[in-house]
């Protein structure tokens, strides 16, 4: 982490944050959203944020500045979602920069703050972003990206080793790919497209017929496509997050 957390903070500061942070989320939702449901969704996000902050305050896991960092990260994730995706797969996966704030927050403030920011981002990513995919898209973005935080944290916790960190990132991409094969097959694609899971592979073959030229078909085609694009997204998340984080660290050293 780049700063030391304070041991004591006033209850007034925390209560103040419980109201101000949800209001910030509400206004950001209305400001950056481009749909007619902005007001209702903004109110929902504000309520969700308020309840989340109450829970974390009750468990005494986060400090005041962590609340602000988490809320700011979720807002930045939403803003990044308005950028055109680098690539859009046939089944709706966006190759983008949405998860960058979550990983940077993990490097900067720790696991709990990053998890809170990612959770707060779910409805914003799904409903406010163009082509976000609603609640299915928001949840899938969370389920895909969270491994890039949790796995390296578990493998490198208590050990300040560059090797452990790198191994953790590689393991995170592997776990992410496996998880997305399962969730896409049984959850996201069937619900989003209204398909029975048994038809998912068939639809993949129709949409990616060109892949048959090099010998891929059936379940193998499905698995390879999921692995390839989640690996690409994972490397993008890691590379740009580390680049930005190191830039912030160097600037703070100069100050």
Protein backbone atom coordinates (compact mmCIF):
# COMPACT_ATOMS: atom_id res chain seq x y z
CA UNK A 1 0.00 0.00 0.00
CA UNK A 2 1.13 3.54 -0.62
CA UNK A 3 -0.12 5.00 2.64
CA UNK A 4 -0.58 4.02 6.27
CA UNK A 5 -4.13 3.82 7.51
CA UNK A 6 -5.14 5.79 10.55
CA UNK A 7 -5.92 3.76 13.65
CA UNK A 8 -8.73 5.97 14.87
CA UNK A 9 -11.40 7.91 13.02
CA UNK A 10 -14.38 9.71 14.44
CA UNK A 11 -17.84 8.24 14.25
CA UNK A 12 -19.03 11.55 12.84
CA UNK A 13 -16.70 11.14 9.83
CA UNK A 14 -18.10 7.70 9.10
CA UNK A 15 -21.72 8.78 9.43
CA UNK A 16 -20.95 11.74 7.17
CA UNK A 17 -19.55 9.38 4.54
CA UNK A 18 -22.58 7.10 4.80
CA UNK A 19 -24.68 9.93 3.39
CA UNK A 20 -22.27 11.82 1.15
CA UNK A 21 -20.86 8.85 -0.79
CA UNK A 22 -24.33 7.54 -1.81
CA UNK A 23 -25.23 11.06 -2.96
CA UNK A 24 -22.08 11.19 -5.08
CA UNK A 25 -22.98 7.81 -6.60
CA UNK A 26 -26.52 9.04 -7.32
CA UNK A 27 -25.40 12.20 -9.12
CA UNK A 28 -22.73 10.32 -11.10
CA UNK A 29 -25.34 7.77 -12.16
CA UNK A 30 -27.64 10.49 -13.46
CA UNK A 31 -24.80 12.53 -14.97
CA UNK A 32 -23.07 9.77 -16.92
CA UNK A 33 -26.08 7.59 -17.69
CA UNK A 34 -27.71 7.93 -21.08
CA UNK A 35 -30.98 6.09 -20.46
CA UNK A 36 -34.40 7.09 -19.23
CA UNK A 37 -34.17 4.99 -16.07
CA UNK A 38 -31.30 7.04 -14.65
CA UNK A 39 -33.26 8.49 -11.74
CA UNK A 40 -34.63 5.16 -10.49
CA UNK A 41 -31.31 3.41 -11.03
CA UNK A 42 -29.42 6.22 -9.33
CA UNK A 43 -31.66 5.91 -6.28
CA UNK A 44 -31.13 2.15 -6.24
CA UNK A 45 -27.35 2.57 -6.44
CA UNK A 46 -27.42 5.17 -3.68
CA UNK A 47 -29.37 2.78 -1.43
CA UNK A 48 -27.04 -0.11 -2.26
CA UNK A 49 -24.02 2.05 -1.49
CA UNK A 50 -25.50 3.22 1.80
CA UNK A 51 -26.24 -0.34 2.95
CA UNK A 52 -22.78 -1.53 1.90
CA UNK A 53 -21.09 1.25 3.85
CA UNK A 54 -23.21 0.48 6.89
CA UNK A 55 -22.20 -3.17 6.75
CA UNK A 56 -18.50 -2.42 6.37
CA UNK A 57 -18.64 0.17 9.16
CA UNK A 58 -20.35 -2.34 11.43
CA UNK A 59 -17.63 -4.92 10.75
CA UNK A 60 -14.96 -2.20 11.16
CA UNK A 61 -13.08 -3.45 8.09
CA UNK A 62 -12.59 -0.16 6.27
CA UNK A 63 -11.64 3.40 7.13
CA UNK A 64 -13.14 6.62 5.87
CA UNK A 65 -10.70 7.15 3.02
CA UNK A 66 -11.30 3.57 1.84
CA UNK A 67 -15.01 4.32 1.40
CA UNK A 68 -14.17 7.30 -0.77
CA UNK A 69 -11.62 5.32 -2.80
CA UNK A 70 -14.12 2.48 -3.38
CA UNK A 71 -16.90 4.82 -4.50
CA UNK A 72 -14.56 6.80 -6.74
CA UNK A 73 -13.29 3.58 -8.31
CA UNK A 74 -16.80 2.44 -9.16
CA UNK A 75 -17.50 5.81 -10.78
CA UNK A 76 -14.32 5.57 -12.86
CA UNK A 77 -15.27 2.04 -13.93
CA UNK A 78 -18.56 3.39 -15.22
CA UNK A 79 -16.86 6.22 -17.08
CA UNK A 80 -14.38 3.81 -18.71
CA UNK A 81 -17.33 1.69 -19.80
CA UNK A 82 -18.51 4.51 -22.06
CA UNK A 83 -15.34 4.21 -24.13
CA UNK A 84 -15.74 2.04 -27.24
CA UNK A 85 -14.63 -1.53 -26.47
CA UNK A 86 -11.31 -2.67 -27.90
CA UNK A 87 -13.16 -5.71 -29.21
CA UNK A 88 -16.65 -7.19 -28.90
CA UNK A 89 -16.95 -10.97 -29.08
CA UNK A 90 -19.87 -12.67 -30.87
CA UNK A 91 -21.43 -13.68 -27.53
CA UNK A 92 -21.25 -10.17 -26.07
CA UNK A 93 -18.01 -10.08 -24.08
CA UNK A 94 -16.42 -6.63 -24.18
CA UNK A 95 -12.64 -6.26 -24.16
CA UNK A 96 -12.34 -2.98 -22.25
CA UNK A 97 -10.75 -1.11 -19.34
CA UNK A 98 -13.65 -1.33 -16.85
CA UNK A 99 -11.80 -3.48 -14.29
CA UNK A 100 -8.68 -1.30 -14.17
CA UNK A 101 -9.87 0.85 -11.22
CA UNK A 102 -10.62 -2.26 -9.14
CA UNK A 103 -7.12 -3.68 -9.60
CA UNK A 104 -5.45 -0.31 -9.00
CA UNK A 105 -7.48 0.10 -5.81
CA UNK A 106 -6.41 -3.38 -4.69
CA UNK A 107 -2.75 -2.43 -5.20
CA UNK A 108 -3.27 0.93 -3.52
CA UNK A 109 -5.70 0.27 -0.66
CA UNK A 110 -6.06 -3.48 -0.20
CA UNK A 111 -8.47 -6.31 -0.92
CA UNK A 112 -11.50 -5.14 1.07
CA UNK A 113 -11.62 -1.73 -0.60
CA UNK A 114 -11.24 -3.27 -4.05
CA UNK A 115 -14.04 -5.77 -3.39
CA UNK A 116 -16.37 -3.02 -2.21
CA UNK A 117 -15.60 -0.95 -5.31
CA UNK A 118 -16.23 -3.93 -7.59
CA UNK A 119 -19.55 -4.76 -5.91
CA UNK A 120 -20.72 -1.15 -6.17
CA UNK A 121 -19.82 -1.20 -9.86
CA UNK A 122 -22.05 -4.17 -10.78
CA UNK A 123 -25.31 -2.27 -11.45
CA UNK A 124 -23.47 0.73 -12.86
CA UNK A 125 -21.50 -1.39 -15.32
CA UNK A 126 -24.56 -3.41 -16.32
CA UNK A 127 -27.19 -0.70 -16.70
CA UNK A 128 -25.46 2.60 -17.38
CA UNK A 129 -22.88 1.55 -19.93
CA UNK A 130 -23.88 1.17 -23.60
CA UNK A 131 -24.13 -2.54 -24.28
CA UNK A 132 -23.53 -3.34 -20.62
CA UNK A 133 -25.88 -6.32 -20.70
CA UNK A 134 -28.03 -5.38 -17.69
CA UNK A 135 -27.67 -7.31 -14.47
CA UNK A 136 -26.24 -10.33 -16.31
CA UNK A 137 -23.49 -8.23 -17.89
CA UNK A 138 -22.65 -6.48 -14.62
CA UNK A 139 -22.43 -9.73 -12.68
CA UNK A 140 -20.36 -11.43 -15.37
CA UNK A 141 -17.88 -8.54 -15.46
CA UNK A 142 -17.53 -8.86 -11.70
CA UNK A 143 -17.18 -12.66 -11.78
CA UNK A 144 -14.57 -12.47 -14.54
CA UNK A 145 -12.44 -9.69 -13.09
CA UNK A 146 -12.51 -10.47 -9.38
CA UNK A 147 -10.04 -13.34 -9.82
CA UNK A 148 -7.40 -10.86 -10.93
CA UNK A 149 -7.56 -9.46 -7.39
CA UNK A 150 -8.41 -12.39 -5.12
CA UNK A 151 -5.97 -15.02 -6.44
CA UNK A 152 -2.80 -12.83 -6.34
CA UNK A 153 -3.87 -11.55 -2.91
CA UNK A 154 -4.21 -15.08 -1.52
CA UNK A 155 -0.92 -16.28 -3.01
CA UNK A 156 1.15 -13.24 -2.06
CA UNK A 157 -0.44 -12.36 1.30
CA UNK A 158 2.24 -11.85 3.94
CA UNK A 159 5.02 -12.45 1.41
CA UNK A 160 6.53 -9.48 -0.42
CA UNK A 161 7.85 -11.51 -3.33
CA UNK A 162 7.76 -10.46 -6.96
CA UNK A 163 7.77 -14.11 -7.99
CA UNK A 164 4.73 -14.90 -5.86
CA UNK A 165 2.95 -11.91 -7.32
CA UNK A 166 3.68 -12.95 -10.91
CA UNK A 167 2.67 -16.54 -10.21
CA UNK A 168 -0.53 -15.20 -8.66
CA UNK A 169 -1.38 -13.21 -11.78
CA UNK A 170 -0.82 -16.22 -14.06
CA UNK A 171 -2.92 -18.38 -11.72
CA UNK A 172 -5.61 -15.69 -11.74
CA UNK A 173 -5.90 -15.83 -15.54
CA UNK A 174 -6.16 -19.63 -15.42
CA UNK A 175 -8.85 -19.57 -12.72
CA UNK A 176 -10.65 -16.77 -14.55
CA UNK A 177 -10.76 -18.80 -17.77
CA UNK A 178 -12.09 -21.91 -16.01
CA UNK A 179 -14.70 -19.90 -14.12
CA UNK A 180 -15.88 -18.14 -17.27
CA UNK A 181 -16.23 -21.41 -19.17
CA UNK A 182 -18.60 -22.61 -16.45
CA UNK A 183 -20.51 -19.34 -15.95
CA UNK A 184 -20.90 -18.66 -19.67
CA UNK A 185 -22.15 -22.17 -20.37
CA UNK A 186 -24.62 -22.49 -17.49
CA UNK A 187 -25.50 -18.89 -16.65
CA UNK A 188 -24.72 -15.91 -18.89
CA UNK A 189 -25.26 -17.17 -22.44
CA UNK A 190 -28.40 -19.26 -21.68
CA UNK A 191 -30.07 -16.41 -19.77
CA UNK A 192 -28.98 -13.54 -22.02
CA UNK A 193 -29.91 -15.27 -25.29
CA UNK A 194 -32.73 -17.42 -23.91
CA UNK A 195 -30.99 -20.68 -24.81
CA UNK A 196 -30.92 -24.08 -23.19
CA UNK A 197 -27.33 -24.84 -22.05
CA UNK A 198 -27.27 -27.81 -24.41
CA UNK A 199 -27.64 -25.40 -27.37
CA UNK A 200 -24.81 -23.06 -26.37
CA UNK A 201 -22.11 -25.04 -28.19
CA UNK A 202 -24.28 -25.29 -31.32
CA UNK A 203 -24.77 -21.52 -31.42
CA UNK A 204 -21.04 -21.01 -30.95
CA UNK A 205 -20.33 -23.18 -33.97
CA UNK A 206 -22.77 -21.16 -36.09
CA UNK A 207 -21.39 -17.82 -34.98
CA UNK A 208 -17.76 -18.86 -35.31
CA UNK A 209 -17.90 -21.08 -38.37
CA UNK A 210 -14.59 -19.67 -39.59
CA UNK A 211 -12.80 -21.39 -36.72
CA UNK A 212 -13.69 -24.79 -38.20
CA UNK A 213 -11.20 -24.08 -40.97
CA UNK A 214 -8.33 -24.60 -38.52
CA UNK A 215 -9.92 -27.66 -36.97
CA UNK A 216 -11.84 -26.35 -33.96
CA UNK A 217 -15.46 -27.33 -33.42
CA UNK A 218 -17.94 -28.32 -30.74
CA UNK A 219 -16.96 -28.06 -27.09
CA UNK A 220 -13.30 -27.51 -27.99
CA UNK A 221 -14.24 -24.41 -30.00
CA UNK A 222 -16.29 -23.06 -27.09
CA UNK A 223 -13.51 -23.63 -24.54
CA UNK A 224 -10.76 -22.15 -26.74
CA UNK A 225 -12.76 -19.00 -27.49
CA UNK A 226 -13.52 -18.37 -23.81
CA UNK A 227 -9.91 -19.01 -22.77
CA UNK A 228 -8.39 -16.83 -25.51
CA UNK A 229 -10.49 -13.74 -24.89
CA UNK A 230 -10.37 -13.98 -21.10
CA UNK A 231 -6.60 -14.34 -21.29
CA UNK A 232 -6.42 -11.24 -23.51
CA UNK A 233 -8.65 -9.29 -21.13
CA UNK A 234 -6.68 -10.50 -18.12
CA UNK A 235 -3.36 -9.35 -19.57
CA UNK A 236 -4.86 -5.97 -20.51
CA UNK A 237 -6.19 -5.53 -16.96
CA UNK A 238 -2.86 -6.45 -15.37
CA UNK A 239 -0.58 -4.52 -17.74
CA UNK A 240 -2.41 -1.19 -17.69
CA UNK A 241 -3.25 -1.40 -13.96
CA UNK A 242 0.41 -1.94 -13.05
CA UNK A 243 1.45 0.82 -15.44
CA UNK A 244 -0.92 3.34 -13.86
CA UNK A 245 -0.14 2.19 -10.32
CA UNK A 246 3.61 2.55 -10.84
CA UNK A 247 3.05 6.00 -12.30
CA UNK A 248 1.11 7.01 -9.18
CA UNK A 249 3.79 5.52 -6.92
CA UNK A 250 6.62 7.34 -8.70
CA UNK A 251 4.75 10.62 -8.54
CA UNK A 252 4.14 10.23 -4.80
CA UNK A 253 7.84 9.52 -4.25
CA UNK A 254 8.73 12.76 -6.02
CA UNK A 255 6.30 14.68 -3.82
